N, C-alpha and C. Protein backbone atom coordinates (compact mmCIF):
# COMPACT_ATOMS: atom_id res chain seq x y z
N MET A 1 0.83 -1.19 0.00
CA MET A 1 0.00 0.00 0.00
C MET A 1 0.87 1.25 0.00
N GLN A 2 0.41 2.26 -0.72
CA GLN A 2 1.13 3.52 -0.75
C GLN A 2 0.67 4.40 0.40
N ALA A 3 1.46 5.40 0.74
CA ALA A 3 1.15 6.29 1.86
C ALA A 3 -0.20 6.98 1.70
N SER A 4 -0.67 7.17 0.48
CA SER A 4 -1.96 7.84 0.26
C SER A 4 -3.14 6.87 0.25
N ASP A 5 -2.89 5.59 0.45
CA ASP A 5 -3.94 4.58 0.43
C ASP A 5 -4.84 4.72 1.66
N PRO A 6 -6.14 4.98 1.48
CA PRO A 6 -7.03 5.18 2.63
C PRO A 6 -7.17 3.94 3.52
N ARG A 7 -6.81 2.77 3.02
CA ARG A 7 -6.89 1.56 3.85
C ARG A 7 -5.88 1.57 4.99
N LEU A 8 -4.90 2.46 4.95
CA LEU A 8 -3.90 2.53 6.01
C LEU A 8 -4.52 2.85 7.36
N ILE A 9 -5.67 3.50 7.39
CA ILE A 9 -6.33 3.81 8.66
C ILE A 9 -6.67 2.54 9.42
N LEU A 10 -6.84 1.45 8.73
CA LEU A 10 -7.18 0.19 9.38
C LEU A 10 -6.08 -0.30 10.31
N THR A 11 -4.85 0.08 10.03
CA THR A 11 -3.72 -0.36 10.86
C THR A 11 -3.31 0.67 11.90
N GLU A 12 -3.93 1.83 11.88
CA GLU A 12 -3.61 2.88 12.85
C GLU A 12 -4.22 2.55 14.22
N PRO A 13 -3.60 3.03 15.30
CA PRO A 13 -4.16 2.81 16.64
C PRO A 13 -5.41 3.68 16.83
N ASP A 14 -6.21 3.34 17.83
CA ASP A 14 -7.44 4.09 18.12
C ASP A 14 -7.17 5.56 18.42
N GLU A 15 -5.96 5.88 18.88
CA GLU A 15 -5.62 7.26 19.22
C GLU A 15 -5.29 8.10 18.00
N ALA A 16 -5.20 7.47 16.83
CA ALA A 16 -4.83 8.21 15.61
C ALA A 16 -5.88 9.27 15.29
N MET A 17 -5.42 10.47 15.03
CA MET A 17 -6.30 11.58 14.71
C MET A 17 -6.79 11.41 13.28
N VAL A 18 -8.10 11.45 13.08
CA VAL A 18 -8.67 11.36 11.74
C VAL A 18 -9.34 12.64 11.31
N CYS A 19 -9.67 13.49 12.27
CA CYS A 19 -10.26 14.80 11.97
C CYS A 19 -9.50 15.83 12.81
N TYR A 20 -8.58 16.50 12.17
CA TYR A 20 -7.72 17.44 12.88
C TYR A 20 -8.46 18.71 13.29
N CYS A 21 -9.44 19.11 12.51
CA CYS A 21 -10.12 20.37 12.85
C CYS A 21 -11.00 20.23 14.08
N SER A 22 -11.53 19.03 14.32
CA SER A 22 -12.40 18.83 15.48
C SER A 22 -11.79 17.90 16.53
N GLY A 23 -10.58 17.41 16.28
CA GLY A 23 -9.89 16.56 17.25
C GLY A 23 -10.53 15.19 17.43
N VAL A 24 -11.02 14.60 16.35
CA VAL A 24 -11.69 13.30 16.42
C VAL A 24 -10.70 12.20 16.09
N THR A 25 -10.71 11.14 16.89
CA THR A 25 -9.79 10.02 16.70
C THR A 25 -10.47 8.86 15.98
N LYS A 26 -9.64 7.94 15.51
CA LYS A 26 -10.15 6.72 14.89
C LYS A 26 -11.04 5.96 15.88
N GLY A 27 -10.65 5.94 17.15
CA GLY A 27 -11.42 5.25 18.18
C GLY A 27 -12.82 5.84 18.34
N GLN A 28 -12.92 7.16 18.24
CA GLN A 28 -14.23 7.79 18.34
C GLN A 28 -15.11 7.44 17.15
N VAL A 29 -14.52 7.39 15.97
CA VAL A 29 -15.28 7.00 14.77
C VAL A 29 -15.72 5.55 14.90
N THR A 30 -14.82 4.69 15.34
CA THR A 30 -15.15 3.28 15.52
C THR A 30 -16.28 3.12 16.54
N ALA A 31 -16.21 3.86 17.63
CA ALA A 31 -17.26 3.79 18.66
C ALA A 31 -18.60 4.26 18.10
N ALA A 32 -18.57 5.29 17.27
CA ALA A 32 -19.82 5.77 16.66
C ALA A 32 -20.43 4.71 15.76
N ILE A 33 -19.59 4.03 15.00
CA ILE A 33 -20.08 2.96 14.12
C ILE A 33 -20.64 1.81 14.96
N MET A 34 -19.91 1.44 16.00
CA MET A 34 -20.37 0.36 16.88
C MET A 34 -21.67 0.76 17.60
N GLY A 35 -21.86 2.06 17.78
CA GLY A 35 -23.06 2.56 18.43
C GLY A 35 -24.24 2.76 17.49
N GLY A 36 -24.05 2.43 16.23
CA GLY A 36 -25.17 2.49 15.30
C GLY A 36 -25.02 3.44 14.13
N ALA A 37 -23.98 4.27 14.09
CA ALA A 37 -23.80 5.18 12.97
C ALA A 37 -23.58 4.36 11.70
N ARG A 38 -24.31 4.69 10.65
CA ARG A 38 -24.21 3.94 9.40
C ARG A 38 -23.79 4.78 8.21
N THR A 39 -23.92 6.09 8.32
CA THR A 39 -23.56 6.97 7.22
C THR A 39 -22.53 7.98 7.70
N LEU A 40 -21.92 8.67 6.75
CA LEU A 40 -20.97 9.71 7.12
C LEU A 40 -21.67 10.79 7.94
N ALA A 41 -22.90 11.11 7.58
CA ALA A 41 -23.66 12.10 8.35
C ALA A 41 -23.87 11.63 9.79
N ASP A 42 -24.15 10.33 9.97
CA ASP A 42 -24.30 9.77 11.31
C ASP A 42 -23.01 9.90 12.11
N ILE A 43 -21.89 9.58 11.47
CA ILE A 43 -20.59 9.64 12.14
C ILE A 43 -20.26 11.08 12.52
N LYS A 44 -20.52 12.01 11.61
CA LYS A 44 -20.27 13.43 11.91
C LYS A 44 -21.12 13.88 13.09
N ALA A 45 -22.39 13.48 13.10
CA ALA A 45 -23.28 13.88 14.19
C ALA A 45 -22.85 13.28 15.52
N ALA A 46 -22.38 12.05 15.51
CA ALA A 46 -21.99 11.37 16.74
C ALA A 46 -20.66 11.84 17.30
N THR A 47 -19.75 12.27 16.41
CA THR A 47 -18.39 12.60 16.86
C THR A 47 -18.06 14.09 16.81
N GLY A 48 -18.79 14.85 16.05
CA GLY A 48 -18.45 16.25 15.86
C GLY A 48 -17.40 16.45 14.78
N ALA A 49 -17.08 15.40 14.05
CA ALA A 49 -16.08 15.49 12.98
C ALA A 49 -16.54 16.46 11.90
N CYS A 50 -15.58 17.08 11.27
CA CYS A 50 -15.79 17.98 10.13
C CYS A 50 -16.57 19.24 10.49
N ALA A 51 -16.57 19.62 11.73
CA ALA A 51 -17.32 20.81 12.15
C ALA A 51 -16.65 22.10 11.71
N VAL A 52 -15.34 22.09 11.60
CA VAL A 52 -14.61 23.30 11.26
C VAL A 52 -14.19 23.30 9.79
N ALA A 53 -14.06 22.12 9.21
CA ALA A 53 -13.69 21.95 7.79
C ALA A 53 -12.32 22.54 7.46
N LYS A 54 -11.35 22.31 8.33
CA LYS A 54 -9.99 22.78 8.08
C LYS A 54 -8.97 21.66 8.28
N CYS A 55 -9.41 20.41 8.12
CA CYS A 55 -8.50 19.29 8.34
C CYS A 55 -7.29 19.33 7.42
N GLN A 56 -7.51 19.66 6.16
CA GLN A 56 -6.39 19.67 5.23
C GLN A 56 -5.31 20.66 5.67
N GLU A 57 -5.72 21.83 6.15
CA GLU A 57 -4.74 22.81 6.60
C GLU A 57 -4.08 22.40 7.92
N LEU A 58 -4.84 21.75 8.81
CA LEU A 58 -4.33 21.40 10.13
C LEU A 58 -3.58 20.07 10.19
N SER A 59 -3.84 19.20 9.22
CA SER A 59 -3.23 17.87 9.21
C SER A 59 -1.75 17.96 8.83
N PRO A 60 -0.90 17.26 9.57
CA PRO A 60 0.51 17.25 9.20
C PRO A 60 0.72 16.50 7.87
N ARG A 61 -0.26 15.69 7.48
CA ARG A 61 -0.17 14.95 6.21
C ARG A 61 -0.72 15.77 5.04
N ARG A 62 -1.38 16.89 5.36
CA ARG A 62 -1.97 17.77 4.35
C ARG A 62 -3.02 17.07 3.48
N ARG A 63 -3.80 16.18 4.13
CA ARG A 63 -4.90 15.51 3.43
C ARG A 63 -6.00 15.20 4.38
């Protein structure tokens, strides 16, 4: 897999930041899914992800 491959998140620890603008971790997204979130809108509502919409600027990976 290349560094830009989105499947890499599967190997990241639960503490890995996935939404830099709102400070949401992989673990929080996983918990939202386990709690019943089925769509991206559900995940955003459950975690607060994408509230600021500045992840690309704030992410050290710039993506």
